[in-house]
Amino acid sequence: IATNYSLVMTATALSGVVGGPLAGVILSQWDTIGGLKGWQWLFVIEAMPTLGLGVLFMTLLDKGPEEARFLSVGERNYLVYRQDKESAGRENNRDSPRGGLPDVLKLVWG
């Protein structure tokens, strides 16, 4: 665990060392290129990896446990059973503090 933690902390520090100056260059040098200001370019560039990985994982990942290729048939059936059991319990448990949360969200956000 210590090795993994140290790798994450090192990556965080390195991202600041590389990302800070890179962001400064983008903010100062890319101002008004393509009709966008520097901060707008920074938002666009930072969004690209996130959007790309999101699309990639949407196409690569299975839709649910019933389609998961890495699970055995028994594991798939067990996970589907657990999901069905949990969703049935959620529907029948409206009196719990969390049971009515979807209804509250519907009221708040329409």
N, C-alpha and C. Protein backbone atom coordinates (compact mmCIF):
# COMPACT_ATOMS: atom_id res chain seq x y z
N ILE A 1 0.84 -1.19 0.00
CA ILE A 1 0.00 0.00 0.00
C ILE A 1 0.88 1.25 0.00
N ALA A 2 1.98 1.19 0.71
CA ALA A 2 2.85 2.35 0.80
C ALA A 2 3.43 2.72 -0.56
N THR A 3 3.77 1.72 -1.37
CA THR A 3 4.31 1.99 -2.70
C THR A 3 3.27 2.67 -3.59
N ASN A 4 2.05 2.15 -3.56
CA ASN A 4 0.99 2.76 -4.37
C ASN A 4 0.70 4.19 -3.92
N TYR A 5 0.68 4.40 -2.62
CA TYR A 5 0.43 5.74 -2.09
C TYR A 5 1.55 6.70 -2.51
N SER A 6 2.77 6.23 -2.44
CA SER A 6 3.89 7.10 -2.81
C SER A 6 3.86 7.42 -4.31
N LEU A 7 3.43 6.47 -5.13
CA LEU A 7 3.30 6.74 -6.56
C LEU A 7 2.23 7.79 -6.84
N VAL A 8 1.13 7.71 -6.14
CA VAL A 8 0.06 8.70 -6.33
C VAL A 8 0.53 10.08 -5.89
N MET A 9 1.20 10.15 -4.75
CA MET A 9 1.68 11.44 -4.27
C MET A 9 2.76 12.01 -5.20
N THR A 10 3.62 11.17 -5.72
CA THR A 10 4.64 11.63 -6.67
C THR A 10 4.01 12.12 -7.95
N ALA A 11 3.00 11.40 -8.45
CA ALA A 11 2.31 11.82 -9.66
C ALA A 11 1.60 13.16 -9.45
N THR A 12 1.06 13.37 -8.27
CA THR A 12 0.40 14.65 -7.96
C THR A 12 1.40 15.79 -8.01
N ALA A 13 2.55 15.59 -7.41
CA ALA A 13 3.58 16.63 -7.43
C ALA A 13 4.10 16.90 -8.84
N LEU A 14 4.32 15.83 -9.59
CA LEU A 14 4.81 16.00 -10.97
C LEU A 14 3.78 16.68 -11.86
N SER A 15 2.51 16.40 -11.63
CA SER A 15 1.48 17.06 -12.43
C SER A 15 1.48 18.57 -12.18
N GLY A 16 1.76 18.97 -10.95
CA GLY A 16 1.87 20.40 -10.65
C GLY A 16 3.09 21.03 -11.30
N VAL A 17 4.19 20.28 -11.30
CA VAL A 17 5.44 20.80 -11.90
C VAL A 17 5.28 20.97 -13.40
N VAL A 18 4.62 20.04 -14.04
CA VAL A 18 4.45 20.11 -15.50
C VAL A 18 3.23 20.96 -15.87
N GLY A 19 2.13 20.77 -15.15
CA GLY A 19 0.88 21.43 -15.50
C GLY A 19 0.86 22.93 -15.25
N GLY A 20 1.52 23.37 -14.19
CA GLY A 20 1.52 24.80 -13.87
C GLY A 20 2.16 25.65 -14.95
N PRO A 21 3.41 25.36 -15.33
CA PRO A 21 4.02 26.15 -16.41
C PRO A 21 3.30 26.00 -17.75
N LEU A 22 2.80 24.80 -18.01
CA LEU A 22 2.06 24.58 -19.26
C LEU A 22 0.79 25.44 -19.29
N ALA A 23 0.10 25.50 -18.17
CA ALA A 23 -1.10 26.34 -18.09
C ALA A 23 -0.73 27.82 -18.25
N GLY A 24 0.40 28.22 -17.68
CA GLY A 24 0.84 29.60 -17.84
C GLY A 24 1.12 29.95 -19.29
N VAL A 25 1.76 29.05 -20.01
CA VAL A 25 2.03 29.28 -21.44
C VAL A 25 0.73 29.36 -22.22
N ILE A 26 -0.20 28.46 -21.94
CA ILE A 26 -1.48 28.48 -22.65
C ILE A 26 -2.23 29.77 -22.37
N LEU A 27 -2.25 30.20 -21.11
CA LEU A 27 -2.98 31.42 -20.76
C LEU A 27 -2.36 32.66 -21.40
N SER A 28 -1.04 32.70 -21.51
CA SER A 28 -0.41 33.92 -22.02
C SER A 28 -0.21 33.90 -23.53
N GLN A 29 0.14 32.78 -24.09
CA GLN A 29 0.48 32.72 -25.51
C GLN A 29 -0.70 32.40 -26.42
N TRP A 30 -1.70 31.72 -25.92
CA TRP A 30 -2.81 31.30 -26.77
C TRP A 30 -3.99 32.27 -26.70
N ASP A 31 -3.78 33.42 -26.11
CA ASP A 31 -4.85 34.40 -26.00
C ASP A 31 -5.26 34.87 -27.39
N THR A 32 -6.51 34.84 -27.69
CA THR A 32 -7.15 35.29 -28.94
C THR A 32 -6.85 34.37 -30.14
N ILE A 33 -6.26 33.21 -29.96
CA ILE A 33 -6.12 32.27 -31.08
C ILE A 33 -7.46 31.60 -31.31
N GLY A 34 -7.91 31.62 -32.53
CA GLY A 34 -9.18 30.99 -32.87
C GLY A 34 -10.38 31.66 -32.24
N GLY A 35 -10.24 32.89 -31.83
CA GLY A 35 -11.36 33.61 -31.24
C GLY A 35 -11.61 33.28 -29.78
N LEU A 36 -10.75 32.45 -29.18
CA LEU A 36 -10.91 32.11 -27.77
C LEU A 36 -9.82 32.78 -26.94
N LYS A 37 -10.16 33.09 -25.72
CA LYS A 37 -9.17 33.63 -24.79
C LYS A 37 -8.36 32.48 -24.20
N GLY A 38 -7.26 32.81 -23.54
CA GLY A 38 -6.37 31.79 -23.00
C GLY A 38 -7.05 30.86 -22.01
N TRP A 39 -7.86 31.41 -21.12
CA TRP A 39 -8.54 30.58 -20.13
C TRP A 39 -9.53 29.64 -20.78
N GLN A 40 -10.15 30.08 -21.90
CA GLN A 40 -11.07 29.21 -22.61
C GLN A 40 -10.33 28.05 -23.27
N TRP A 41 -9.14 28.34 -23.83
CA TRP A 41 -8.32 27.28 -24.40
C TRP A 41 -7.92 26.28 -23.32
N LEU A 42 -7.60 26.78 -22.14
CA LEU A 42 -7.22 25.90 -21.04
C LEU A 42 -8.36 24.95 -20.69
N PHE A 43 -9.57 25.45 -20.66
CA PHE A 43 -10.73 24.61 -20.38
C PHE A 43 -10.89 23.56 -21.47
N VAL A 44 -10.77 23.96 -22.73
CA VAL A 44 -10.93 23.03 -23.85
C VAL A 44 -9.87 21.94 -23.79
N ILE A 45 -8.63 22.33 -23.58
CA ILE A 45 -7.52 21.36 -23.57
C ILE A 45 -7.66 20.41 -22.37
N GLU A 46 -8.07 20.91 -21.22
CA GLU A 46 -8.23 20.06 -20.06
C GLU A 46 -9.42 19.11 -20.21
N ALA A 47 -10.41 19.50 -21.00
CA ALA A 47 -11.59 18.66 -21.19
C ALA A 47 -11.34 17.52 -22.18
N MET A 48 -10.40 17.68 -23.08
CA MET A 48 -10.18 16.67 -24.12
C MET A 48 -9.86 15.28 -23.58
N PRO A 49 -8.90 15.12 -22.67
CA PRO A 49 -8.64 13.76 -22.16
C PRO A 49 -9.84 13.16 -21.44
N THR A 50 -10.56 13.97 -20.70
CA THR A 50 -11.72 13.47 -19.98
C THR A 50 -12.80 12.99 -20.95
N LEU A 51 -13.08 13.79 -21.95
CA LEU A 51 -14.09 13.39 -22.93
C LEU A 51 -13.64 12.17 -23.72
N GLY A 52 -12.38 12.15 -24.11
CA GLY A 52 -11.86 11.00 -24.86
C GLY A 52 -11.93 9.71 -24.07
N LEU A 53 -11.50 9.76 -22.81
CA LEU A 53 -11.57 8.56 -21.97
C LEU A 53 -13.01 8.16 -21.69
N GLY A 54 -13.90 9.13 -21.55
CA GLY A 54 -15.31 8.82 -21.33
C GLY A 54 -15.90 8.06 -22.50
N VAL A 55 -15.63 8.52 -23.71
CA VAL A 55 -16.12 7.83 -24.92
C VAL A 55 -15.49 6.45 -25.04
N LEU A 56 -14.18 6.37 -24.78
CA LEU A 56 -13.48 5.09 -24.86
C LEU A 56 -14.08 4.06 -23.89
N PHE A 57 -14.27 4.46 -22.64
CA PHE A 57 -14.80 3.52 -21.66
C PHE A 57 -16.26 3.19 -21.90
N MET A 58 -17.02 4.11 -22.46
CA MET A 58 -18.40 3.79 -22.81
C MET A 58 -18.47 2.70 -23.87
N THR A 59 -17.51 2.68 -24.77
CA THR A 59 -17.52 1.66 -25.81
C THR A 59 -16.88 0.36 -25.33
N LEU A 60 -15.90 0.42 -24.43
CA LEU A 60 -15.19 -0.78 -24.01
C LEU A 60 -15.87 -1.53 -22.87
N LEU A 61 -16.46 -0.80 -21.93
CA LEU A 61 -17.05 -1.45 -20.76
C LEU A 61 -18.38 -2.11 -21.10
N ASP A 62 -18.66 -3.18 -20.39
CA ASP A 62 -19.93 -3.88 -20.58
C ASP A 62 -21.07 -3.08 -19.97
N LYS A 63 -22.28 -3.31 -20.46
CA LYS A 63 -23.44 -2.54 -20.00
C LYS A 63 -23.89 -2.90 -18.59
N GLY A 64 -23.58 -4.09 -18.16
CA GLY A 64 -23.96 -4.53 -16.82
C GLY A 64 -23.36 -5.88 -16.54
N PRO A 65 -23.64 -6.44 -15.35
CA PRO A 65 -23.03 -7.72 -15.00
C PRO A 65 -23.50 -8.86 -15.89
N GLU A 66 -24.69 -8.75 -16.46
CA GLU A 66 -25.17 -9.84 -17.31
C GLU A 66 -24.38 -9.96 -18.61
N GLU A 67 -23.65 -8.92 -18.98
CA GLU A 67 -22.86 -8.94 -20.21
C GLU A 67 -21.35 -8.96 -19.94
N ALA A 68 -20.93 -8.98 -18.69
CA ALA A 68 -19.51 -8.90 -18.34
C ALA A 68 -18.77 -10.17 -18.79
N ARG A 69 -17.84 -9.99 -19.70
CA ARG A 69 -17.10 -11.13 -20.25
C ARG A 69 -16.10 -11.70 -19.27
N PHE A 70 -15.62 -10.90 -18.32
CA PHE A 70 -14.59 -11.35 -17.40
C PHE A 70 -15.16 -12.13 -16.21
N LEU A 71 -16.49 -12.20 -16.08
CA LEU A 71 -17.11 -12.94 -14.99
C LEU A 71 -17.54 -14.32 -15.47
N SER A 72 -17.53 -15.27 -14.54
CA SER A 72 -18.07 -16.59 -14.88
C SER A 72 -19.60 -16.49 -14.88
N VAL A 73 -20.24 -17.52 -15.39
CA VAL A 73 -21.71 -17.52 -15.45
C VAL A 73 -22.30 -17.45 -14.04
N GLY A 74 -21.70 -18.15 -13.11
CA GLY A 74 -22.18 -18.12 -11.73
C GLY A 74 -22.05 -16.74 -11.11
N GLU A 75 -20.93 -16.08 -11.37
CA GLU A 75 -20.72 -14.73 -10.83
C GLU A 75 -21.71 -13.75 -11.46
N ARG A 76 -21.95 -13.88 -12.74
CA ARG A 76 -22.94 -13.00 -13.40
C ARG A 76 -24.31 -13.18 -12.78
N ASN A 77 -24.73 -14.43 -12.65
CA ASN A 77 -26.06 -14.70 -12.09
C ASN A 77 -26.17 -14.16 -10.67
N TYR A 78 -25.12 -14.32 -9.88
CA TYR A 78 -25.14 -13.82 -8.50
C TYR A 78 -25.28 -12.30 -8.48
N LEU A 79 -24.52 -11.61 -9.32
CA LEU A 79 -24.59 -10.14 -9.32
C LEU A 79 -25.93 -9.64 -9.82
N VAL A 80 -26.49 -10.29 -10.81
CA VAL A 80 -27.83 -9.90 -11.29
C VAL A 80 -28.86 -10.12 -10.19
N TYR A 81 -28.74 -11.25 -9.48
CA TYR A 81 -29.64 -11.54 -8.36
C TYR A 81 -29.53 -10.46 -7.29
N ARG A 82 -28.29 -10.07 -6.94
CA ARG A 82 -28.08 -9.04 -5.92
C ARG A 82 -28.66 -7.70 -6.36
N GLN A 83 -28.47 -7.34 -7.63
CA GLN A 83 -29.02 -6.07 -8.11
C GLN A 83 -30.54 -6.08 -8.05
N ASP A 84 -31.14 -7.18 -8.47
CA ASP A 84 -32.60 -7.27 -8.43
C ASP A 84 -33.11 -7.18 -7.00
N LYS A 85 -32.41 -7.85 -6.08
CA LYS A 85 -32.80 -7.83 -4.68
C LYS A 85 -32.67 -6.43 -4.09
N GLU A 86 -31.59 -5.74 -4.40
CA GLU A 86 -31.40 -4.38 -3.89
C GLU A 86 -32.42 -3.40 -4.47
N SER A 87 -32.69 -3.51 -5.76
CA SER A 87 -33.65 -2.57 -6.35
C SER A 87 -35.06 -2.84 -5.83
N ALA A 88 -35.42 -4.10 -5.58
CA ALA A 88 -36.73 -4.40 -5.00
C ALA A 88 -36.81 -3.86 -3.58
N GLY A 89 -35.73 -3.97 -2.83
CA GLY A 89 -35.71 -3.45 -1.47
C GLY A 89 -35.81 -1.94 -1.44
N ARG A 90 -35.23 -1.28 -2.43
CA ARG A 90 -35.28 0.17 -2.51
C ARG A 90 -36.69 0.65 -2.82
N GLU A 91 -37.38 -0.06 -3.69
CA GLU A 91 -38.74 0.35 -4.06
C GLU A 91 -39.72 0.16 -2.91
N ASN A 92 -39.49 -0.86 -2.10
CA ASN A 92 -40.41 -1.15 -1.00
C ASN A 92 -40.06 -0.41 0.28
N ASN A 93 -39.01 0.38 0.30
CA ASN A 93 -38.52 1.00 1.52
C ASN A 93 -38.60 2.52 1.43
N ARG A 94 -39.77 3.04 1.17
CA ARG A 94 -39.94 4.49 1.03
C ARG A 94 -39.90 5.22 2.37
N ASP A 95 -40.06 4.49 3.48
CA ASP A 95 -40.08 5.14 4.79
C ASP A 95 -38.70 5.42 5.34
N SER A 96 -37.66 4.84 4.74
CA SER A 96 -36.31 5.08 5.23
C SER A 96 -35.86 6.48 4.81
N PRO A 97 -34.85 7.04 5.48
CA PRO A 97 -34.38 8.38 5.13
C PRO A 97 -33.93 8.49 3.66
N ARG A 98 -33.36 7.42 3.12
CA ARG A 98 -32.88 7.47 1.74
C ARG A 98 -33.95 6.99 0.75
N GLY A 99 -35.02 6.41 1.25
CA GLY A 99 -36.03 5.84 0.37
C GLY A 99 -36.73 6.87 -0.49
N GLY A 100 -36.96 8.07 0.03
CA GLY A 100 -37.67 9.09 -0.72
C GLY A 100 -36.79 10.06 -1.46
N LEU A 101 -35.49 9.82 -1.48
CA LEU A 101 -34.56 10.75 -2.12
C LEU A 101 -34.88 10.98 -3.59
N PRO A 102 -35.17 9.95 -4.39
CA PRO A 102 -35.51 10.23 -5.79
C PRO A 102 -36.71 11.15 -5.94
N ASP A 103 -37.71 11.00 -5.04
CA ASP A 103 -38.87 11.88 -5.11
C ASP A 103 -38.51 13.32 -4.81
N VAL A 104 -37.62 13.53 -3.85
CA VAL A 104 -37.18 14.89 -3.52
C VAL A 104 -36.42 15.50 -4.69
N LEU A 105 -35.57 14.70 -5.32
CA LEU A 105 -34.81 15.20 -6.46
C LEU A 105 -35.74 15.56 -7.62
N LYS A 106 -36.80 14.78 -7.81
CA LYS A 106 -37.76 15.11 -8.87
C LYS A 106 -38.46 16.43 -8.57
N LEU A 107 -38.76 16.69 -7.29
CA LEU A 107 -39.39 17.95 -6.93
C LEU A 107 -38.45 19.13 -7.15
N VAL A 108 -37.18 18.93 -6.80
CA VAL A 108 -36.23 20.03 -6.89
C VAL A 108 -35.89 20.34 -8.34
N TRP A 109 -35.59 19.30 -9.14
CA TRP A 109 -35.13 19.53 -10.50
C TRP A 109 -36.18 19.24 -11.55
N GLY A 110 -37.39 19.00 -11.16
CA GLY A 110 -38.47 18.82 -12.12
C GLY A 110 -38.42 17.47 -12.69
